[in-house]
N, C-alpha and C. Protein backbone atom coordinates (compact mmCIF):
# COMPACT_ATOMS: atom_id res chain seq x y z
N UNK A 1 19.29 17.00 7.84
CA UNK A 1 17.73 17.09 8.48
C UNK A 1 17.25 15.83 8.64
N UNK A 2 16.73 15.84 9.90
CA UNK A 2 15.91 14.87 10.52
C UNK A 2 14.78 14.23 9.40
N UNK A 3 14.76 13.01 9.52
CA UNK A 3 13.64 12.32 8.62
C UNK A 3 12.37 12.57 9.34
N UNK A 4 11.29 12.84 8.56
CA UNK A 4 10.00 13.28 8.99
C UNK A 4 9.26 11.96 9.38
N UNK A 5 8.69 11.86 10.57
CA UNK A 5 8.03 10.76 11.21
C UNK A 5 6.50 10.89 11.37
N UNK A 6 5.68 9.97 11.63
CA UNK A 6 4.55 9.64 11.83
C UNK A 6 3.98 8.64 12.96
N UNK A 7 3.37 9.59 13.94
CA UNK A 7 2.96 8.58 15.04
C UNK A 7 1.70 7.98 14.74
N UNK A 8 1.77 6.72 14.60
CA UNK A 8 0.31 5.73 14.22
C UNK A 8 -0.48 5.72 15.26
N UNK A 9 -2.02 5.20 14.96
CA UNK A 9 -2.71 5.08 15.84
C UNK A 9 -3.27 3.80 15.78
N UNK A 10 -3.90 3.17 16.95
CA UNK A 10 -4.32 1.91 17.19
C UNK A 10 -5.82 2.01 17.37
N UNK A 11 -6.51 0.96 16.53
CA UNK A 11 -8.13 0.95 16.82
C UNK A 11 -8.69 0.51 18.01
N UNK A 12 -7.79 0.03 19.10
CA UNK A 12 -7.93 -0.28 20.48
C UNK A 12 -7.81 0.86 21.43
N UNK A 13 -7.18 1.82 20.87
CA UNK A 13 -6.61 2.90 21.69
C UNK A 13 -5.22 2.52 22.38
N UNK A 14 -4.45 1.50 22.01
CA UNK A 14 -3.38 1.14 22.35
C UNK A 14 -2.25 1.95 21.89
N UNK A 15 -1.09 2.07 22.32
CA UNK A 15 -0.18 3.03 21.96
C UNK A 15 0.38 3.02 20.49
N UNK A 16 0.62 3.90 19.69
CA UNK A 16 1.00 3.81 18.46
C UNK A 16 2.56 3.66 18.23
N UNK A 17 3.02 3.63 17.15
CA UNK A 17 4.37 3.60 16.95
C UNK A 17 4.90 4.83 15.84
N UNK A 18 6.05 5.23 16.19
CA UNK A 18 6.49 6.34 15.44
C UNK A 18 7.34 5.88 14.55
N UNK A 19 6.82 6.07 12.99
CA UNK A 19 7.70 5.54 12.19
C UNK A 19 7.98 6.75 10.98
N UNK A 20 8.80 6.22 10.07
CA UNK A 20 9.22 7.05 9.16
C UNK A 20 7.78 7.18 8.28
N UNK A 21 7.47 8.59 7.99
CA UNK A 21 6.62 8.83 7.16
C UNK A 21 6.65 8.50 5.52
N UNK A 22 7.59 8.40 5.16
CA UNK A 22 8.06 7.78 3.76
C UNK A 22 7.58 6.30 3.76
N UNK A 23 7.93 5.28 5.07
CA UNK A 23 7.37 4.11 4.94
C UNK A 23 5.98 3.96 5.26
N UNK A 24 5.58 4.87 6.07
CA UNK A 24 3.91 4.71 6.20
C UNK A 24 3.23 5.15 4.98
N UNK A 25 3.72 5.85 4.25
CA UNK A 25 3.01 6.57 2.98
C UNK A 25 3.09 5.26 1.74
N UNK A 26 4.07 4.75 1.64
CA UNK A 26 4.33 3.53 1.05
C UNK A 26 3.53 2.38 1.20
N UNK A 27 3.57 2.16 2.45
CA UNK A 27 2.61 1.09 2.90
C UNK A 27 1.30 1.38 2.76
N UNK A 28 0.84 2.61 3.17
CA UNK A 28 -0.63 3.02 3.11
C UNK A 28 -1.40 3.00 1.47
N UNK A 29 -0.27 3.57 0.67
CA UNK A 29 -0.58 3.28 -0.84
C UNK A 29 -0.96 2.00 -1.24
N UNK A 30 -0.05 1.26 -0.85
CA UNK A 30 -0.28 -0.29 -1.07
C UNK A 30 -1.15 -1.07 -0.62
N UNK A 31 -1.46 -0.59 0.60
CA UNK A 31 -2.68 -1.25 1.16
C UNK A 31 -4.10 -0.84 0.58
N UNK A 32 -4.23 0.37 0.31
CA UNK A 32 -5.29 1.12 -0.25
C UNK A 32 -5.57 0.43 -1.84
N UNK A 33 -4.46 0.34 -2.29
CA UNK A 33 -4.24 -0.36 -3.70
C UNK A 33 -4.82 -1.91 -3.68
N UNK A 34 -4.41 -2.44 -2.76
CA UNK A 34 -4.76 -3.76 -2.65
C UNK A 34 -6.34 -4.32 -2.34
N UNK A 35 -6.87 -3.07 -1.72
CA UNK A 35 -8.18 -2.99 -1.35
C UNK A 35 -9.27 -2.35 -2.08
N UNK A 36 -8.96 -1.98 -3.06
CA UNK A 36 -9.24 -1.07 -4.14
C UNK A 36 -10.55 -1.57 -4.85
N UNK A 37 -10.37 -3.05 -5.10
CA UNK A 37 -11.28 -3.58 -6.07
C UNK A 37 -12.32 -4.63 -5.29
N UNK A 38 -11.74 -5.07 -4.06
CA UNK A 38 -12.55 -6.19 -3.22
C UNK A 38 -11.91 -6.15 -1.95
N UNK A 39 -12.60 -6.95 -1.13
CA UNK A 39 -11.82 -7.40 0.26
C UNK A 39 -11.07 -8.22 0.42
N UNK A 40 -10.39 -8.24 1.08
CA UNK A 40 -9.15 -9.27 1.41
C UNK A 40 -8.99 -9.58 2.78
N UNK A 41 -8.64 -11.20 2.86
CA UNK A 41 -8.43 -11.75 4.32
C UNK A 41 -6.87 -10.87 4.68
N UNK A 42 -6.68 -11.05 6.15
CA UNK A 42 -5.17 -10.57 6.49
C UNK A 42 -4.36 -11.58 5.63
N UNK A 43 -4.50 -12.68 5.45
CA UNK A 43 -3.45 -13.27 4.60
C UNK A 43 -3.36 -12.91 3.31
N UNK A 44 -4.18 -12.73 2.54
CA UNK A 44 -4.52 -12.34 0.99
C UNK A 44 -3.93 -10.90 1.03
N UNK A 45 -3.99 -9.91 1.93
CA UNK A 45 -3.49 -8.63 2.04
C UNK A 45 -2.09 -8.69 2.07
N UNK A 46 -1.62 -9.43 3.09
CA UNK A 46 -0.16 -9.45 3.26
C UNK A 46 0.92 -10.25 2.19
N UNK A 47 0.03 -11.08 1.57
CA UNK A 47 0.92 -11.69 0.28
C UNK A 47 0.94 -10.75 -0.74
N UNK A 48 -0.23 -10.04 -0.87
CA UNK A 48 -0.01 -9.03 -1.85
C UNK A 48 1.04 -7.84 -1.40
N UNK A 49 1.09 -7.50 -0.19
CA UNK A 49 1.91 -6.29 0.20
C UNK A 49 3.57 -7.17 -0.03
N UNK A 50 3.75 -8.17 0.59
CA UNK A 50 5.01 -8.95 0.37
C UNK A 50 5.51 -9.10 -1.26
N UNK A 51 4.35 -9.37 -1.87
CA UNK A 51 4.92 -9.33 -3.47
C UNK A 51 5.07 -8.00 -4.23
N UNK A 52 4.33 -7.07 -3.81
CA UNK A 52 4.30 -5.92 -4.52
C UNK A 52 5.34 -4.97 -3.89
N UNK A 53 5.70 -5.15 -2.97
CA UNK A 53 6.62 -4.06 -2.29
C UNK A 53 8.38 -4.89 -2.31
N UNK A 54 8.25 -6.17 -2.73
CA UNK A 54 9.67 -6.82 -2.67
C UNK A 54 10.60 -5.93 -3.60
N UNK A 55 11.62 -5.65 -3.08
CA UNK A 55 12.85 -4.78 -3.75
C UNK A 55 12.49 -3.41 -3.57
N UNK A 56 11.18 -2.94 -3.07
CA UNK A 56 10.92 -1.69 -3.10
C UNK A 56 11.01 -1.02 -1.55
N UNK A 57 11.19 -2.00 -0.56
CA UNK A 57 11.10 -1.53 0.80
C UNK A 57 12.06 -2.45 1.66
N UNK A 58 12.70 -1.58 2.40
CA UNK A 58 13.86 -2.11 3.14
C UNK A 58 13.64 -2.88 4.34
N UNK A 59 12.47 -2.39 5.04
CA UNK A 59 12.08 -2.78 6.28
C UNK A 59 11.09 -4.15 6.23
N UNK A 60 10.49 -4.44 7.38
CA UNK A 60 9.95 -5.86 7.47
C UNK A 60 8.70 -5.44 7.15
N UNK A 61 8.22 -6.03 5.80
CA UNK A 61 6.87 -5.59 5.23
C UNK A 61 5.93 -5.98 6.24
N UNK A 62 5.87 -7.08 6.80
CA UNK A 62 4.88 -7.57 7.71
C UNK A 62 4.76 -6.74 8.77
N UNK A 63 5.88 -6.37 9.37
CA UNK A 63 5.71 -5.55 10.95
C UNK A 63 5.29 -4.11 10.52
N UNK A 64 5.64 -3.26 9.39
CA UNK A 64 5.02 -2.08 9.05
C UNK A 64 3.76 -2.09 8.58
N UNK A 65 3.45 -3.31 7.81
CA UNK A 65 2.24 -3.52 7.01
C UNK A 65 1.28 -3.38 8.03
N UNK A 66 1.45 -4.30 9.30
CA UNK A 66 0.39 -4.39 10.30
C UNK A 66 0.20 -3.20 10.85
N UNK A 67 1.47 -2.46 11.36
CA UNK A 67 1.29 -1.04 12.13
C UNK A 67 0.59 -0.12 11.22
N UNK A 68 0.74 0.04 9.85
CA UNK A 68 -0.01 1.03 9.03
C UNK A 68 -1.54 0.37 8.82
N UNK A 69 -1.79 -0.74 8.87
CA UNK A 69 -3.21 -1.26 8.58
C UNK A 69 -3.96 -1.00 9.79
N UNK A 70 -3.31 -1.34 11.08
CA UNK A 70 -4.07 -0.79 12.30
C UNK A 70 -4.51 0.73 12.26
N UNK A 71 -3.24 1.61 11.75
CA UNK A 71 -3.76 3.14 11.97
C UNK A 71 -4.55 3.47 10.96
N UNK A 72 -4.73 2.60 9.63
CA UNK A 72 -5.74 2.92 8.78
C UNK A 72 -7.02 2.46 9.51
N UNK A 73 -7.19 1.52 10.04
CA UNK A 73 -8.41 1.06 10.86
C UNK A 73 -8.84 2.03 11.93
N UNK A 74 -7.77 2.66 12.60
CA UNK A 74 -8.12 3.64 13.66
C UNK A 74 -8.64 4.76 13.13
N UNK A 75 -8.13 5.14 11.98
CA UNK A 75 -8.59 6.65 11.14
C UNK A 75 -9.80 6.25 10.33
N UNK A 76 -10.39 5.14 10.58
CA UNK A 76 -11.59 4.73 9.68
C UNK A 76 -11.56 4.93 8.34
N UNK A 77 -10.35 4.47 7.72
CA UNK A 77 -10.15 4.60 6.21
C UNK A 77 -10.34 3.06 5.92
N UNK A 78 -10.03 2.26 6.54
CA UNK A 78 -10.49 0.74 6.05
C UNK A 78 -11.11 0.15 7.40
N UNK A 79 -11.85 -1.04 7.13
CA UNK A 79 -12.41 -1.73 8.21
C UNK A 79 -12.38 -3.24 7.89
N UNK A 80 -12.29 -3.70 9.29
CA UNK A 80 -12.19 -5.31 9.31
C UNK A 80 -13.75 -5.81 9.92
N UNK A 81 -14.43 -6.72 9.01
CA UNK A 81 -15.76 -7.33 9.40
C UNK A 81 -15.44 -8.64 10.37
N UNK A 82 -16.39 -9.01 10.99
CA UNK A 82 -16.37 -10.17 11.85
C UNK A 82 -16.41 -11.48 11.56
N UNK A 83 -16.26 -11.51 9.87
CA UNK A 83 -16.38 -13.17 9.37
C UNK A 83 -15.27 -13.81 9.74
N UNK A 84 -15.24 -15.13 9.61
CA UNK A 84 -14.17 -16.01 9.83
C UNK A 84 -13.53 -16.50 8.39
N UNK A 85 -12.56 -16.00 8.18
CA UNK A 85 -11.39 -15.06 8.52
C UNK A 85 -11.86 -13.77 8.24
N UNK A 86 -11.61 -12.79 9.22
CA UNK A 86 -12.04 -11.38 8.78
C UNK A 86 -11.44 -11.10 7.55
N UNK A 87 -12.40 -10.21 6.87
CA UNK A 87 -12.14 -9.52 5.61
C UNK A 87 -11.85 -7.91 6.12
N UNK A 88 -10.76 -7.29 5.29
CA UNK A 88 -10.73 -6.17 5.20
C UNK A 88 -11.06 -5.40 3.75
N UNK A 89 -11.81 -4.27 4.04
CA UNK A 89 -12.17 -3.56 2.94
C UNK A 89 -11.89 -1.92 3.29
N UNK A 90 -11.99 -1.01 2.24
CA UNK A 90 -12.12 0.47 2.18
C UNK A 90 -13.34 1.02 2.75
N UNK A 91 -13.42 2.05 3.37
CA UNK A 91 -14.61 2.61 3.75
C UNK A 91 -14.86 3.77 2.70
N UNK A 92 -16.20 3.72 2.20
CA UNK A 92 -16.49 4.69 1.31
C UNK A 92 -16.50 6.14 1.93
N UNK A 93 -15.94 6.92 1.10
CA UNK A 93 -15.76 8.38 1.38
C UNK A 93 -17.23 9.07 1.17
N UNK A 94 -17.67 9.84 2.22
CA UNK A 94 -18.78 10.69 2.12
C UNK A 94 -18.88 11.76 1.68
C-alpha cells in the first residue's frame, strides 16, 4: 500500500512540497503545541521542535518543520508578525 502524501502550500504562492501525511501530522501537532501558550521566534520554535522530536522523527526536523510551518501560514492556522525578529503565533478560531 502506498504511503499517504499531502501537497503543502506556501504563503507566497510558491510551489508546495509533496510529503508524507504522517510526517506532516507529527510536525503540525508539534508546531501547534509549541505555539499554544505564547508566540515564539523562528529560533525558539525550531529549538522546541528539535528538542521535542528527537528520537521520534527520522527525517530532517528543520526541513520538514519549515515546510509544515509555511503550509500552516498559507492555510492561516498560524501567522508571523513583522517584528524583528518575527514572532509566530496561532490564529484564533472564529
